[in-house]
Amino acid sequence: MIMTEPIRRKAPKEAEQAEQTRPAPKAGDAEETALVARAREGDLAAYDDLVRRYQERIYATIYHMTSNHEDANDLAQEAFIKAFHALKSFKGGSSFYTWVYRIAVNKTINFLKQRKNRSQMSLDDLDFNAEHDPDLVALISDRTPRRDINLAELQEKLNEAMQKLSEPHRLVVTLHDVQGLSHEEIAKIMGCNIGTIRSRLFYARQQLQAHLSDYLK
């Protein structure tokens, strides 16, 4: 059966680095298309190959949304199982990866609504644009005594700020600033247009900076 072994737990930063060295696949990838075709005919080995290709990326995204390894592993498995049973409905308009990503994200959003969980993110995950807030970037980027002293407190403040964002805004920050997905990829996953993604990302960053501004004074 697919994903019979739990995904190896990685530290958030290690998982992120693994993601960034493996760009998201594009629709029309010949090898992926062949694997999907075989899987649609019931070939479990082909589907296992698809799972192995993308499970770490899916797992890492869910982990950043739930901050819980067990929940992330369970939700990733459920997403791939659901995708397998729904393969007949996959039309190939996007990559298989984008399609299963959307399934995983929707399952995670529903899970968070039910459990009222909140996401925690690493300070190093967020891109705040140095030219707009050099003090914040210096604080989280440089290995200085000031950084070491304030890191834990700032992490706590950041998590509190993330909790104040709506789920769509928290998700777009996670997908763009943590996972490194493009606006176009996020729009496909979230089922909205690129302008909406850009607007949500801008608003979320403004809110995070506002919540942290008093701490940085």
C-alpha atoms as a PDB file:
ATOM      1  CA  MET A   1       0.000   0.000   0.000  1.00  0.00           C
ATOM      2  CA  ILE A   2       1.178   3.545  -0.649  1.00  0.00           C
ATOM      3  CA  MET A   3       3.179   5.353   1.996  1.00  0.00           C
ATOM      4  CA  THR A   4       3.315   2.401   4.363  1.00  0.00           C
ATOM      5  CA  GLU A   5       6.413   3.901   6.013  1.00  0.00           C
ATOM      6  CA  PRO A   6       6.184   7.250   7.833  1.00  0.00           C
ATOM      7  CA  ILE A   7       8.114  10.043   6.220  1.00  0.00           C
ATOM      8  CA  ARG A   8      11.472  10.571   7.908  1.00  0.00           C
ATOM      9  CA  ARG A   9      11.171  13.524  10.221  1.00  0.00           C
ATOM     10  CA  LYS A  10      13.339  16.442   9.237  1.00  0.00           C
ATOM     11  CA  ALA A  11      14.040  19.654  11.036  1.00  0.00           C
ATOM     12  CA  PRO A  12      12.011  22.433   9.399  1.00  0.00           C
ATOM     13  CA  LYS A  13      15.110  24.094   7.943  1.00  0.00           C
ATOM     14  CA  GLU A  14      16.448  20.803   6.587  1.00  0.00           C
ATOM     15  CA  ALA A  15      13.114  20.043   4.972  1.00  0.00           C
ATOM     16  CA  GLU A  16      12.993  23.509   3.440  1.00  0.00           C
ATOM     17  CA  GLN A  17      16.478  23.183   1.973  1.00  0.00           C
ATOM     18  CA  ALA A  18      15.548  19.835   0.444  1.00  0.00           C
ATOM     19  CA  GLU A  19      12.538  21.482  -1.163  1.00  0.00           C
ATOM     20  CA  GLN A  20      14.481  24.336  -2.678  1.00  0.00           C
ATOM     21  CA  THR A  21      16.920  22.043  -4.468  1.00  0.00           C
ATOM     22  CA  ARG A  22      14.058  20.253  -6.188  1.00  0.00           C
ATOM     23  CA  PRO A  23      11.928  22.601  -8.315  1.00  0.00           C
ATOM     24  CA  ALA A  24       8.229  21.881  -8.648  1.00  0.00           C
ATOM     25  CA  PRO A  25       7.466  19.805 -11.770  1.00  0.00           C
ATOM     26  CA  LYS A  26       5.743  21.324 -14.764  1.00  0.00           C
ATOM     27  CA  ALA A  27       2.609  20.025 -16.436  1.00  0.00           C
ATOM     28  CA  GLY A  28       3.532  17.790 -19.337  1.00  0.00           C
ATOM     29  CA  ASP A  29       6.565  16.136 -17.715  1.00  0.00           C
ATOM     30  CA  ALA A  30       6.871  12.999 -19.866  1.00  0.00           C
ATOM     31  CA  GLU A  31       7.944  10.663 -17.086  1.00  0.00           C
ATOM     32  CA  GLU A  32       5.271  11.944 -14.712  1.00  0.00           C
ATOM     33  CA  THR A  33       2.619  11.634 -17.425  1.00  0.00           C
ATOM     34  CA  ALA A  34       3.599   8.017 -18.041  1.00  0.00           C
ATOM     35  CA  LEU A  35       3.498   7.209 -14.328  1.00  0.00           C
ATOM     36  CA  VAL A  36       0.065   8.812 -13.963  1.00  0.00           C
ATOM     37  CA  ALA A  37      -1.251   6.866 -16.936  1.00  0.00           C
ATOM     38  CA  ARG A  38      -0.027   3.598 -15.431  1.00  0.00           C
ATOM     39  CA  ALA A  39      -1.410   4.490 -12.022  1.00  0.00           C
ATOM     40  CA  ARG A  40      -4.809   5.247 -13.537  1.00  0.00           C
ATOM     41  CA  GLU A  41      -4.820   1.671 -14.794  1.00  0.00           C
ATOM     42  CA  GLY A  42      -4.257   0.397 -11.257  1.00  0.00           C
ATOM     43  CA  ASP A  43      -0.463   0.104 -11.286  1.00  0.00           C
ATOM     44  CA  LEU A  44       0.427   0.591  -7.600  1.00  0.00           C
ATOM     45  CA  ALA A  45       4.158   0.548  -8.304  1.00  0.00           C
ATOM     46  CA  ALA A  46       3.751   3.539 -10.620  1.00  0.00           C
ATOM     47  CA  TYR A  47       1.770   5.404  -7.992  1.00  0.00           C
ATOM     48  CA  ASP A  48       4.393   4.591  -5.377  1.00  0.00           C
ATOM     49  CA  ASP A  49       6.936   6.261  -7.682  1.00  0.00           C
ATOM     50  CA  LEU A  50       4.758   9.389  -7.792  1.00  0.00           C
ATOM     51  CA  VAL A  51       4.446   9.372  -4.015  1.00  0.00           C
ATOM     52  CA  ARG A  52       8.197   9.062  -3.539  1.00  0.00           C
ATOM     53  CA  ARG A  53       8.736  11.975  -5.912  1.00  0.00           C
ATOM     54  CA  TYR A  54       6.608  14.437  -4.003  1.00  0.00           C
ATOM     55  CA  GLN A  55       5.927  13.192  -0.480  1.00  0.00           C
ATOM     56  CA  GLU A  56       8.662  15.250   1.194  1.00  0.00           C
ATOM     57  CA  ARG A  57       7.452  18.493  -0.390  1.00  0.00           C
ATOM     58  CA  ILE A  58       3.843  17.749   0.548  1.00  0.00           C
ATOM     59  CA  TYR A  59       4.850  16.729   4.058  1.00  0.00           C
ATOM     60  CA  ALA A  60       6.948  19.880   4.562  1.00  0.00           C
ATOM     61  CA  THR A  61       4.076  22.152   3.526  1.00  0.00           C
ATOM     62  CA  ILE A  62       1.648  20.436   5.885  1.00  0.00           C
ATOM     63  CA  TYR A  63       4.191  20.543   8.692  1.00  0.00           C
ATOM     64  CA  HIS A  64       4.587  24.303   8.281  1.00  0.00           C
ATOM     65  CA  MET A  65       0.804  24.627   8.495  1.00  0.00           C
ATOM     66  CA  THR A  66       0.296  22.338  11.514  1.00  0.00           C
ATOM     67  CA  SER A  67       3.640  22.433  13.378  1.00  0.00           C
ATOM     68  CA  ASN A  68       3.099  18.776  14.256  1.00  0.00           C
ATOM     69  CA  HIS A  69       5.051  15.871  12.749  1.00  0.00           C
ATOM     70  CA  GLU A  70       2.404  13.225  13.422  1.00  0.00           C
ATOM     71  CA  ASP A  71      -0.410  15.341  11.989  1.00  0.00           C
ATOM     72  CA  ALA A  72       1.701  16.221   8.945  1.00  0.00           C
ATOM     73  CA  ASN A  73       2.540  12.585   8.284  1.00  0.00           C
ATOM     74  CA  ASP A  74      -1.082  11.458   8.679  1.00  0.00           C
ATOM     75  CA  LEU A  75      -2.449  14.233   6.476  1.00  0.00           C
ATOM     76  CA  ALA A  76       0.158  13.614   3.773  1.00  0.00           C
ATOM     77  CA  GLN A  77      -0.768   9.933   3.674  1.00  0.00           C
ATOM     78  CA  GLU A  78      -4.473  10.752   3.556  1.00  0.00           C
ATOM     79  CA  ALA A  79      -3.890  13.213   0.712  1.00  0.00           C
ATOM     80  CA  PHE A  80      -2.030  10.658  -1.407  1.00  0.00           C
ATOM     81  CA  ILE A  81      -4.642   7.986  -0.700  1.00  0.00           C
ATOM     82  CA  LYS A  82      -7.439  10.359  -1.667  1.00  0.00           C
ATOM     83  CA  ALA A  83      -5.545  11.333  -4.821  1.00  0.00           C
ATOM     84  CA  PHE A  84      -5.117   7.673  -5.779  1.00  0.00           C
ATOM     85  CA  HIS A  85      -8.843   7.017  -5.502  1.00  0.00           C
ATOM     86  CA  ALA A  86      -9.600  10.204  -7.472  1.00  0.00           C
ATOM     87  CA  LEU A  87      -7.073   9.614 -10.273  1.00  0.00           C
ATOM     88  CA  LYS A  88      -9.836   9.084 -12.828  1.00  0.00           C
ATOM     89  CA  SER A  89     -10.873  12.701 -12.313  1.00  0.00           C
ATOM     90  CA  PHE A  90      -7.349  14.045 -12.960  1.00  0.00           C
ATOM     91  CA  LYS A  91      -7.511  15.703 -16.376  1.00  0.00           C
ATOM     92  CA  GLY A  92      -3.852  16.664 -16.727  1.00  0.00           C
ATOM     93  CA  GLY A  93      -4.509  20.404 -17.002  1.00  0.00           C
ATOM     94  CA  SER A  94      -1.808  20.941 -14.386  1.00  0.00           C
ATOM     95  CA  SER A  95       1.028  18.792 -13.133  1.00  0.00           C
ATOM     96  CA  PHE A  96       0.115  15.851 -10.907  1.00  0.00           C
ATOM     97  CA  TYR A  97       2.148  17.584  -8.204  1.00  0.00           C
ATOM     98  CA  THR A  98      -0.002  20.743  -8.315  1.00  0.00           C
ATOM     99  CA  TRP A  99      -3.161  18.626  -8.265  1.00  0.00           C
ATOM    100  CA  VAL A 100      -2.147  16.522  -5.254  1.00  0.00           C
ATOM    101  CA  TYR A 101      -0.779  19.643  -3.543  1.00  0.00           C
ATOM    102  CA  ARG A 102      -4.246  21.181  -3.781  1.00  0.00           C
ATOM    103  CA  ILE A 103      -5.767  18.054  -2.229  1.00  0.00           C
ATOM    104  CA  ALA A 104      -3.256  18.141   0.631  1.00  0.00           C
ATOM    105  CA  VAL A 105      -3.772  21.842   1.289  1.00  0.00           C
ATOM    106  CA  ASN A 106      -7.565  21.491   1.357  1.00  0.00           C
ATOM    107  CA  LYS A 107      -7.362  18.548   3.751  1.00  0.00           C
ATOM    108  CA  THR A 108      -5.031  20.508   6.016  1.00  0.00           C
ATOM    109  CA  ILE A 109      -7.255  23.588   6.034  1.00  0.00           C
ATOM    110  CA  ASN A 110     -10.221  21.429   7.024  1.00  0.00           C
ATOM    111  CA  PHE A 111      -8.116  19.778   9.724  1.00  0.00           C
ATOM    112  CA  LEU A 112      -7.067  23.144  11.135  1.00  0.00           C
ATOM    113  CA  LYS A 113     -10.647  24.365  11.196  1.00  0.00           C
ATOM    114  CA  GLN A 114     -11.715  21.275  13.119  1.00  0.00           C
ATOM    115  CA  ARG A 115      -8.861  21.295  15.588  1.00  0.00           C
ATOM    116  CA  LYS A 116      -8.318  25.063  15.720  1.00  0.00           C
ATOM    117  CA  ASN A 117      -4.589  24.501  15.387  1.00  0.00           C
ATOM    118  CA  ARG A 118      -2.203  27.221  14.409  1.00  0.00           C
ATOM    119  CA  SER A 119       0.961  27.231  12.324  1.00  0.00           C
ATOM    120  CA  GLN A 120       4.425  28.063  13.588  1.00  0.00           C
ATOM    121  CA  MET A 121       7.146  29.160  11.219  1.00  0.00           C
ATOM    122  CA  SER A 122      10.862  29.626  11.439  1.00  0.00           C
ATOM    123  CA  LEU A 123      12.206  33.158  11.560  1.00  0.00           C
ATOM    124  CA  ASP A 124      14.505  32.313   8.682  1.00  0.00           C
ATOM    125  CA  ASP A 125      11.534  31.274   6.515  1.00  0.00           C
ATOM    126  CA  LEU A 126      10.080  34.726   5.999  1.00  0.00           C
ATOM    127  CA  ASP A 127      11.174  37.219   3.330  1.00  0.00           C
ATOM    128  CA  PHE A 128      10.515  40.705   4.642  1.00  0.00           C
ATOM    129  CA  ASN A 129      12.359  42.705   1.966  1.00  0.00           C
ATOM    130  CA  ALA A 130      15.510  44.157   3.494  1.00  0.00           C
ATOM    131  CA  GLU A 131      15.124  47.563   1.909  1.00  0.00           C
ATOM    132  CA  HIS A 132      11.841  48.066   3.780  1.00  0.00           C
ATOM    133  CA  ASP A 133      12.811  46.728   7.198  1.00  0.00           C
ATOM    134  CA  PRO A 134      16.602  46.447   7.565  1.00  0.00           C
ATOM    135  CA  ASP A 135      16.464  46.192  11.373  1.00  0.00           C
ATOM    136  CA  LEU A 136      14.322  43.059  11.239  1.00  0.00           C
ATOM    137  CA  VAL A 137      16.452  41.457   8.547  1.00  0.00           C
ATOM    138  CA  ALA A 138      19.636  42.201  10.491  1.00  0.00           C
ATOM    139  CA  LEU A 139      18.112  40.689  13.594  1.00  0.00           C
ATOM    140  CA  ILE A 140      17.087  37.384  11.997  1.00  0.00           C
ATOM    141  CA  SER A 141      19.896  37.028   9.462  1.00  0.00           C
ATOM    142  CA  ASP A 142      23.173  37.867  11.206  1.00  0.00           C
ATOM    143  CA  ARG A 143      24.894  35.625  13.716  1.00  0.00           C
ATOM    144  CA  THR A 144      25.434  38.291  16.361  1.00  0.00           C
ATOM    145  CA  PRO A 145      25.051  38.352  20.171  1.00  0.00           C
ATOM    146  CA  ARG A 146      21.958  40.494  19.684  1.00  0.00           C
ATOM    147  CA  ARG A 147      20.400  37.864  17.443  1.00  0.00           C
ATOM    148  CA  ASP A 148      21.120  35.029  19.859  1.00  0.00           C
ATOM    149  CA  ILE A 149      19.675  36.940  22.822  1.00  0.00           C
ATOM    150  CA  ASN A 150      16.480  37.988  21.083  1.00  0.00           C
ATOM    151  CA  LEU A 151      15.863  35.016  18.792  1.00  0.00           C
ATOM    152  CA  ALA A 152      13.579  33.040  21.116  1.00  0.00           C
ATOM    153  CA  GLU A 153      11.508  36.071  22.038  1.00  0.00           C
ATOM    154  CA  LEU A 154      11.155  37.178  18.434  1.00  0.00           C
ATOM    155  CA  GLN A 155      10.170  33.637  17.412  1.00  0.00           C
ATOM    156  CA  GLU A 156       7.383  33.724  19.976  1.00  0.00           C
ATOM    157  CA  LYS A 157       6.206  37.125  18.712  1.00  0.00           C
ATOM    158  CA  LEU A 158       6.262  35.876  15.126  1.00  0.00           C
ATOM    159  CA  ASN A 159       4.179  32.812  16.004  1.00  0.00           C
ATOM    160  CA  GLU A 160       1.669  35.063  17.754  1.00  0.00           C
ATOM    161  CA  ALA A 161       1.521  37.267  14.660  1.00  0.00           C
ATOM    162  CA  MET A 162       0.983  34.243  12.411  1.00  0.00           C
ATOM    163  CA  GLN A 163      -1.920  33.131  14.582  1.00  0.00           C
ATOM    164  CA  LYS A 164      -3.632  36.462  13.947  1.00  0.00           C
ATOM    165  CA  LEU A 165      -3.645  35.936  10.183  1.00  0.00           C
ATOM    166  CA  SER A 166      -6.606  34.284   8.506  1.00  0.00           C
ATOM    167  CA  GLU A 167      -6.015  30.782   7.138  1.00  0.00           C
ATOM    168  CA  PRO A 168      -5.834  31.972   3.476  1.00  0.00           C
ATOM    169  CA  HIS A 169      -3.252  34.623   4.371  1.00  0.00           C
ATOM    170  CA  ARG A 170      -1.212  32.247   6.535  1.00  0.00           C
ATOM    171  CA  LEU A 171      -1.308  29.672   3.751  1.00  0.00           C
ATOM    172  CA  VAL A 172      -0.087  32.052   1.043  1.00  0.00           C
ATOM    173  CA  VAL A 173       2.852  33.105   3.251  1.00  0.00           C
ATOM    174  CA  THR A 174       3.697  29.445   3.871  1.00  0.00           C
ATOM    175  CA  LEU A 175       3.520  28.486   0.196  1.00  0.00           C
ATOM    176  CA  HIS A 176       5.468  31.493  -1.085  1.00  0.00           C
ATOM    177  CA  ASP A 177       7.978  32.383   1.631  1.00  0.00           C
ATOM    178  CA  VAL A 178       8.570  28.907   3.044  1.00  0.00           C
ATOM    179  CA  GLN A 179       8.038  26.570   0.096  1.00  0.00           C
ATOM    180  CA  GLY A 180       9.232  29.015  -2.545  1.00  0.00           C
ATOM    181  CA  LEU A 181       6.322  28.478  -4.929  1.00  0.00           C
ATOM    182  CA  SER A 182       5.586  31.066  -7.584  1.00  0.00           C
ATOM    183  CA  HIS A 183       2.452  33.200  -7.634  1.00  0.00           C
ATOM    184  CA  GLU A 184       1.193  31.133 -10.567  1.00  0.00           C
ATOM    185  CA  GLU A 185       1.661  27.823  -8.745  1.00  0.00           C
ATOM    186  CA  ILE A 186      -0.031  29.124  -5.607  1.00  0.00           C
ATOM    187  CA  ALA A 187      -2.965  30.434  -7.637  1.00  0.00           C
ATOM    188  CA  LYS A 188      -3.531  26.954  -9.085  1.00  0.00           C
ATOM    189  CA  ILE A 189      -3.302  25.324  -5.672  1.00  0.00           C
ATOM    190  CA  MET A 190      -5.634  27.795  -3.964  1.00  0.00           C
ATOM    191  CA  GLY A 191      -8.026  28.079  -6.895  1.00  0.00           C
ATOM    192  CA  CYS A 192      -7.874  31.845  -7.330  1.00  0.00           C
ATOM    193  CA  ASN A 193      -6.237  34.346  -9.658  1.00  0.00           C
ATOM    194  CA  ILE A 194      -2.685  35.667  -9.419  1.00  0.00           C
ATOM    195  CA  GLY A 195      -3.840  39.141  -8.440  1.00  0.00           C
ATOM    196  CA  THR A 196      -5.571  37.707  -5.384  1.00  0.00           C
ATOM    197  CA  ILE A 197      -2.407  35.834  -4.395  1.00  0.00           C
ATOM    198  CA  ARG A 198      -0.283  38.964  -4.671  1.00  0.00           C
ATOM    199  CA  SER A 199      -2.823  40.960  -2.679  1.00  0.00           C
ATOM    200  CA  ARG A 200      -3.015  38.346   0.082  1.00  0.00           C
ATOM    201  CA  LEU A 201       0.767  38.056   0.283  1.00  0.00           C
ATOM    202  CA  PHE A 202       1.198  41.824   0.481  1.00  0.00           C
ATOM    203  CA  TYR A 203      -1.492  42.138   3.151  1.00  0.00           C
ATOM    204  CA  ALA A 204      -0.100  39.220   5.193  1.00  0.00           C
ATOM    205  CA  ARG A 205       3.424  40.672   5.162  1.00  0.00           C
ATOM    206  CA  GLN A 206       2.116  44.096   6.167  1.00  0.00           C
ATOM    207  CA  GLN A 207       0.191  42.549   9.050  1.00  0.00           C
ATOM    208  CA  LEU A 208       3.194  40.543  10.243  1.00  0.00           C
ATOM    209  CA  GLN A 209       5.419  43.610  10.143  1.00  0.00           C
ATOM    210  CA  ALA A 210       2.804  45.649  11.998  1.00  0.00           C
ATOM    211  CA  HIS A 211       2.488  43.030  14.725  1.00  0.00           C
ATOM    212  CA  LEU A 212       6.281  42.971  15.132  1.00  0.00           C
ATOM    213  CA  SER A 213       6.884  46.708  14.868  1.00  0.00           C
ATOM    214  CA  ASP A 214       6.582  47.457  18.591  1.00  0.00           C
ATOM    215  CA  TYR A 215       9.054  44.720  19.429  1.00  0.00           C
ATOM    216  CA  LEU A 216      11.609  46.100  16.962  1.00  0.00           C
ATOM    217  CA  LYS A 217      11.523  49.665  18.302  1.00  0.00           C
END
